[in-house]
Amino acid sequence: MNFPNLKKPSHLFATWFGIGLIRPAPGTWGSLAALLLWYFAEFLHSSIHIVLPIFILFSWLACSQASQDSQSKDHSSIVIDEVAGMLVALSFVAHEIIIYLWAFLLFRFFDIWKPWPVSWADNNVKGGLGIILDDLIAGLFAGVIIYAIFMFI
C-alpha cells in the first residue's frame, strides 16, 4: 500500500485531511490549520479540557496506524501531531490573533529546533506515541511561555 492513501481513515486523519501533502514544510501547514481551527471553532475553547485529551488519544492512534503503513518512523505527511501540539499551545492563551501568531511561531521554533526534552521524546519514544509526544511537549513549552509573557502585558 502506498502511503499516504487518503481512502484509508487513519491516513486521512494523520495527514489532517491531506494538508500533510502540501509542500514545502507540511508541519508548518498542519500547525497553521490547527491555528485556523482554533480561531474559528470557538466552542473548543470552553470544552478544551474534554476535547483535547480525546483528540490527543485519537491522534496517537492515527499516528500509530499511519507509521505502521509507511516505511518511515515519522513520515513528513503525518501532521496530526502538529495539530495536537499546536492545540496544546493555543489552549494556554487568550483569544487574540496576535497572541495566536506568537504561539504559532514559538511552537514551530520548538518543534523544529527540538530542545531537550522535545529531542529526547523524538529520539527515544517509538511508534505513534513517539510521533506525537515531541509535538505535545513543544506545544506545552510554547503555551506556557506565551502565557507567562502575555500575563504580564
C-alpha atoms as a PDB file:
ATOM      1  CA  MET A   1       0.000   0.000   0.000  1.00  0.00           C
ATOM      2  CA  ASN A   2       1.278   3.433  -0.885  1.00  0.00           C
ATOM      3  CA  PHE A   3       1.477   5.956   1.904  1.00  0.00           C
ATOM      4  CA  PRO A   4      -0.493   8.048   2.244  1.00  0.00           C
ATOM      5  CA  ASN A   5      -3.682   6.511   0.919  1.00  0.00           C
ATOM      6  CA  LEU A   6      -6.349   9.098   1.721  1.00  0.00           C
ATOM      7  CA  LYS A   7      -9.075   6.492   1.268  1.00  0.00           C
ATOM      8  CA  LYS A   8      -7.861   4.894   4.489  1.00  0.00           C
ATOM      9  CA  PRO A   9      -9.288   6.806   7.501  1.00  0.00           C
ATOM     10  CA  SER A  10      -6.084   6.636   9.568  1.00  0.00           C
ATOM     11  CA  HIS A  11      -4.107   8.161   6.682  1.00  0.00           C
ATOM     12  CA  LEU A  12      -6.751  10.807   6.063  1.00  0.00           C
ATOM     13  CA  PHE A  13      -6.657  11.878   9.711  1.00  0.00           C
ATOM     14  CA  ALA A  14      -2.873  11.502  10.095  1.00  0.00           C
ATOM     15  CA  THR A  15      -2.369  13.860   7.140  1.00  0.00           C
ATOM     16  CA  TRP A  16      -5.085  16.105   8.592  1.00  0.00           C
ATOM     17  CA  PHE A  17      -7.352  15.678   5.598  1.00  0.00           C
ATOM     18  CA  GLY A  18      -4.495  15.937   3.105  1.00  0.00           C
ATOM     19  CA  ILE A  19      -2.849  19.073   4.492  1.00  0.00           C
ATOM     20  CA  GLY A  20       0.265  16.996   5.176  1.00  0.00           C
ATOM     21  CA  LEU A  21       0.666  16.601   1.418  1.00  0.00           C
ATOM     22  CA  ILE A  22       1.281  20.339   0.936  1.00  0.00           C
ATOM     23  CA  ARG A  23       4.929  21.105   0.191  1.00  0.00           C
ATOM     24  CA  PRO A  24       7.177  22.602   1.354  1.00  0.00           C
ATOM     25  CA  ALA A  25       7.002  22.432   5.161  1.00  0.00           C
ATOM     26  CA  PRO A  26       3.972  20.184   5.746  1.00  0.00           C
ATOM     27  CA  GLY A  27       4.358  20.525   9.540  1.00  0.00           C
ATOM     28  CA  THR A  28       4.007  24.285   9.267  1.00  0.00           C
ATOM     29  CA  TRP A  29       0.849  23.873   7.160  1.00  0.00           C
ATOM     30  CA  GLY A  30      -0.549  21.445   9.731  1.00  0.00           C
ATOM     31  CA  SER A  31       0.211  23.909  12.533  1.00  0.00           C
ATOM     32  CA  LEU A  32      -1.456  26.708  10.583  1.00  0.00           C
ATOM     33  CA  ALA A  33      -4.521  24.518  10.053  1.00  0.00           C
ATOM     34  CA  ALA A  34      -4.717  23.994  13.825  1.00  0.00           C
ATOM     35  CA  LEU A  35      -4.476  27.739  14.411  1.00  0.00           C
ATOM     36  CA  LEU A  36      -7.322  28.382  11.980  1.00  0.00           C
ATOM     37  CA  LEU A  37      -9.415  25.609  13.510  1.00  0.00           C
ATOM     38  CA  TRP A  38      -8.876  27.070  16.984  1.00  0.00           C
ATOM     39  CA  TYR A  39      -9.638  30.600  15.828  1.00  0.00           C
ATOM     40  CA  PHE A  40     -12.881  29.777  14.043  1.00  0.00           C
ATOM     41  CA  ALA A  41     -14.190  26.985  16.314  1.00  0.00           C
ATOM     42  CA  GLU A  42     -14.688  29.000  19.484  1.00  0.00           C
ATOM     43  CA  PHE A  43     -16.777  26.228  21.026  1.00  0.00           C
ATOM     44  CA  LEU A  44     -13.480  24.360  21.540  1.00  0.00           C
ATOM     45  CA  HIS A  45     -12.269  26.997  23.978  1.00  0.00           C
ATOM     46  CA  SER A  46     -14.823  26.198  26.659  1.00  0.00           C
ATOM     47  CA  SER A  47     -14.581  22.422  26.226  1.00  0.00           C
ATOM     48  CA  ILE A  48     -10.843  22.044  25.627  1.00  0.00           C
ATOM     49  CA  HIS A  49     -10.333  20.095  28.863  1.00  0.00           C
ATOM     50  CA  ILE A  50     -12.588  17.383  27.401  1.00  0.00           C
ATOM     51  CA  VAL A  51     -11.827  17.702  23.694  1.00  0.00           C
ATOM     52  CA  LEU A  52      -8.010  17.929  23.870  1.00  0.00           C
ATOM     53  CA  PRO A  53      -7.346  14.626  25.709  1.00  0.00           C
ATOM     54  CA  ILE A  54      -9.720  12.818  23.344  1.00  0.00           C
ATOM     55  CA  PHE A  55      -8.071  14.460  20.323  1.00  0.00           C
ATOM     56  CA  ILE A  56      -4.591  13.533  21.613  1.00  0.00           C
ATOM     57  CA  LEU A  57      -5.631   9.891  22.056  1.00  0.00           C
ATOM     58  CA  PHE A  58      -7.227   9.872  18.611  1.00  0.00           C
ATOM     59  CA  SER A  59      -4.072  11.445  17.129  1.00  0.00           C
ATOM     60  CA  TRP A  60      -1.867   8.855  18.821  1.00  0.00           C
ATOM     61  CA  LEU A  61      -3.931   6.061  17.275  1.00  0.00           C
ATOM     62  CA  ALA A  62      -3.874   7.673  13.816  1.00  0.00           C
ATOM     63  CA  CYS A  63      -0.098   8.210  14.051  1.00  0.00           C
ATOM     64  CA  SER A  64       0.425   4.606  15.174  1.00  0.00           C
ATOM     65  CA  GLN A  65      -1.510   3.169  12.250  1.00  0.00           C
ATOM     66  CA  ALA A  66      -0.057   5.569   9.693  1.00  0.00           C
ATOM     67  CA  SER A  67       3.535   4.951  10.813  1.00  0.00           C
ATOM     68  CA  GLN A  68       2.994   1.188  10.521  1.00  0.00           C
ATOM     69  CA  ASP A  69       1.737   1.669   6.975  1.00  0.00           C
ATOM     70  CA  SER A  70       4.607   3.914   5.896  1.00  0.00           C
ATOM     71  CA  GLN A  71       8.232   2.957   5.522  1.00  0.00           C
ATOM     72  CA  SER A  72       9.267   5.851   7.738  1.00  0.00           C
ATOM     73  CA  LYS A  73       9.432   6.335  11.517  1.00  0.00           C
ATOM     74  CA  ASP A  74       7.655   9.688  11.184  1.00  0.00           C
ATOM     75  CA  HIS A  75       6.584  10.310   7.603  1.00  0.00           C
ATOM     76  CA  SER A  76       6.588  14.027   6.734  1.00  0.00           C
ATOM     77  CA  SER A  77       2.956  13.797   5.569  1.00  0.00           C
ATOM     78  CA  ILE A  78       1.809  12.917   9.106  1.00  0.00           C
ATOM     79  CA  VAL A  79       0.809  16.299  10.549  1.00  0.00           C
ATOM     80  CA  ILE A  80      -1.925  15.442  13.031  1.00  0.00           C
ATOM     81  CA  ASP A  81       0.834  15.551  15.661  1.00  0.00           C
ATOM     82  CA  GLU A  82       1.498  19.206  14.788  1.00  0.00           C
ATOM     83  CA  VAL A  83      -2.234  19.883  15.022  1.00  0.00           C
ATOM     84  CA  ALA A  84      -2.326  18.334  18.511  1.00  0.00           C
ATOM     85  CA  GLY A  85       0.802  20.189  19.650  1.00  0.00           C
ATOM     86  CA  MET A  86      -0.483  23.490  18.338  1.00  0.00           C
ATOM     87  CA  LEU A  87      -3.820  22.973  20.092  1.00  0.00           C
ATOM     88  CA  VAL A  88      -1.919  22.387  23.336  1.00  0.00           C
ATOM     89  CA  ALA A  89      -0.054  25.681  22.846  1.00  0.00           C
ATOM     90  CA  LEU A  90      -3.227  27.596  21.989  1.00  0.00           C
ATOM     91  CA  SER A  91      -5.124  26.203  24.967  1.00  0.00           C
ATOM     92  CA  PHE A  92      -2.946  28.370  27.248  1.00  0.00           C
ATOM     93  CA  VAL A  93      -3.531  31.724  25.608  1.00  0.00           C
ATOM     94  CA  ALA A  94      -6.196  34.400  25.283  1.00  0.00           C
ATOM     95  CA  HIS A  95      -8.418  34.507  22.209  1.00  0.00           C
ATOM     96  CA  GLU A  96      -6.476  37.178  20.319  1.00  0.00           C
ATOM     97  CA  ILE A  97      -4.985  36.704  16.880  1.00  0.00           C
ATOM     98  CA  ILE A  98      -1.647  38.370  17.706  1.00  0.00           C
ATOM     99  CA  ILE A  99      -1.163  36.016  20.653  1.00  0.00           C
ATOM    100  CA  TYR A 100      -2.106  33.082  18.413  1.00  0.00           C
ATOM    101  CA  LEU A 101       0.536  34.125  15.912  1.00  0.00           C
ATOM    102  CA  TRP A 102       3.188  34.298  18.639  1.00  0.00           C
ATOM    103  CA  ALA A 103       2.132  30.874  19.915  1.00  0.00           C
ATOM    104  CA  PHE A 104       2.345  29.552  16.338  1.00  0.00           C
ATOM    105  CA  LEU A 105       5.864  30.943  15.848  1.00  0.00           C
ATOM    106  CA  LEU A 106       7.094  29.671  19.198  1.00  0.00           C
ATOM    107  CA  PHE A 107       5.555  26.235  18.655  1.00  0.00           C
ATOM    108  CA  ARG A 108       7.218  25.932  15.244  1.00  0.00           C
ATOM    109  CA  PHE A 109      10.518  27.070  16.778  1.00  0.00           C
ATOM    110  CA  PHE A 110      10.405  24.339  19.452  1.00  0.00           C
ATOM    111  CA  ASP A 111       9.114  21.720  17.014  1.00  0.00           C
ATOM    112  CA  ILE A 112      11.937  22.380  14.545  1.00  0.00           C
ATOM    113  CA  TRP A 113      14.794  23.138  16.976  1.00  0.00           C
ATOM    114  CA  LYS A 114      13.808  20.313  19.356  1.00  0.00           C
ATOM    115  CA  PRO A 115      15.491  21.331  22.617  1.00  0.00           C
ATOM    116  CA  TRP A 116      15.555  18.793  25.438  1.00  0.00           C
ATOM    117  CA  PRO A 117      13.105  17.129  26.351  1.00  0.00           C
ATOM    118  CA  VAL A 118      11.487  17.541  22.907  1.00  0.00           C
ATOM    119  CA  SER A 119      14.565  15.944  21.325  1.00  0.00           C
ATOM    120  CA  TRP A 120      14.577  13.155  23.896  1.00  0.00           C
ATOM    121  CA  ALA A 121      10.976  12.242  23.066  1.00  0.00           C
ATOM    122  CA  ASP A 122      11.698  12.448  19.331  1.00  0.00           C
ATOM    123  CA  ASN A 123      14.755  10.193  19.589  1.00  0.00           C
ATOM    124  CA  ASN A 124      13.719   7.684  22.259  1.00  0.00           C
ATOM    125  CA  VAL A 125       9.966   7.112  22.140  1.00  0.00           C
ATOM    126  CA  LYS A 126       8.876   4.846  19.310  1.00  0.00           C
ATOM    127  CA  GLY A 127       5.708   4.406  17.288  1.00  0.00           C
ATOM    128  CA  GLY A 128       2.677   6.649  17.339  1.00  0.00           C
ATOM    129  CA  LEU A 129       3.425   7.911  20.834  1.00  0.00           C
ATOM    130  CA  GLY A 130       6.901   8.992  19.726  1.00  0.00           C
ATOM    131  CA  ILE A 131       5.467  10.819  16.729  1.00  0.00           C
ATOM    132  CA  ILE A 132       3.060  12.847  18.843  1.00  0.00           C
ATOM    133  CA  LEU A 133       4.918  13.251  22.153  1.00  0.00           C
ATOM    134  CA  ASP A 134       7.614  15.628  20.910  1.00  0.00           C
ATOM    135  CA  ASP A 135       4.921  17.907  19.463  1.00  0.00           C
ATOM    136  CA  LEU A 136       2.907  17.840  22.671  1.00  0.00           C
ATOM    137  CA  ILE A 137       5.997  18.873  24.641  1.00  0.00           C
ATOM    138  CA  ALA A 138       6.809  21.611  22.101  1.00  0.00           C
ATOM    139  CA  GLY A 139       3.208  22.818  22.408  1.00  0.00           C
ATOM    140  CA  LEU A 140       3.448  22.810  26.183  1.00  0.00           C
ATOM    141  CA  PHE A 141       6.668  24.849  26.069  1.00  0.00           C
ATOM    142  CA  ALA A 142       5.174  27.352  23.624  1.00  0.00           C
ATOM    143  CA  GLY A 143       1.902  27.674  25.511  1.00  0.00           C
ATOM    144  CA  VAL A 144       3.475  28.181  28.921  1.00  0.00           C
ATOM    145  CA  ILE A 145       5.982  30.747  27.620  1.00  0.00           C
ATOM    146  CA  ILE A 146       3.373  32.746  25.695  1.00  0.00           C
ATOM    147  CA  TYR A 147       1.020  32.599  28.680  1.00  0.00           C
ATOM    148  CA  ALA A 148       3.752  33.885  31.003  1.00  0.00           C
ATOM    149  CA  ILE A 149       4.745  36.692  28.638  1.00  0.00           C
ATOM    150  CA  PHE A 150       1.227  37.926  27.942  1.00  0.00           C
ATOM    151  CA  MET A 151       0.116  37.531  31.546  1.00  0.00           C
ATOM    152  CA  PHE A 152       2.364  40.481  32.417  1.00  0.00           C
ATOM    153  CA  ILE A 153       1.381  42.710  29.470  1.00  0.00           C
END
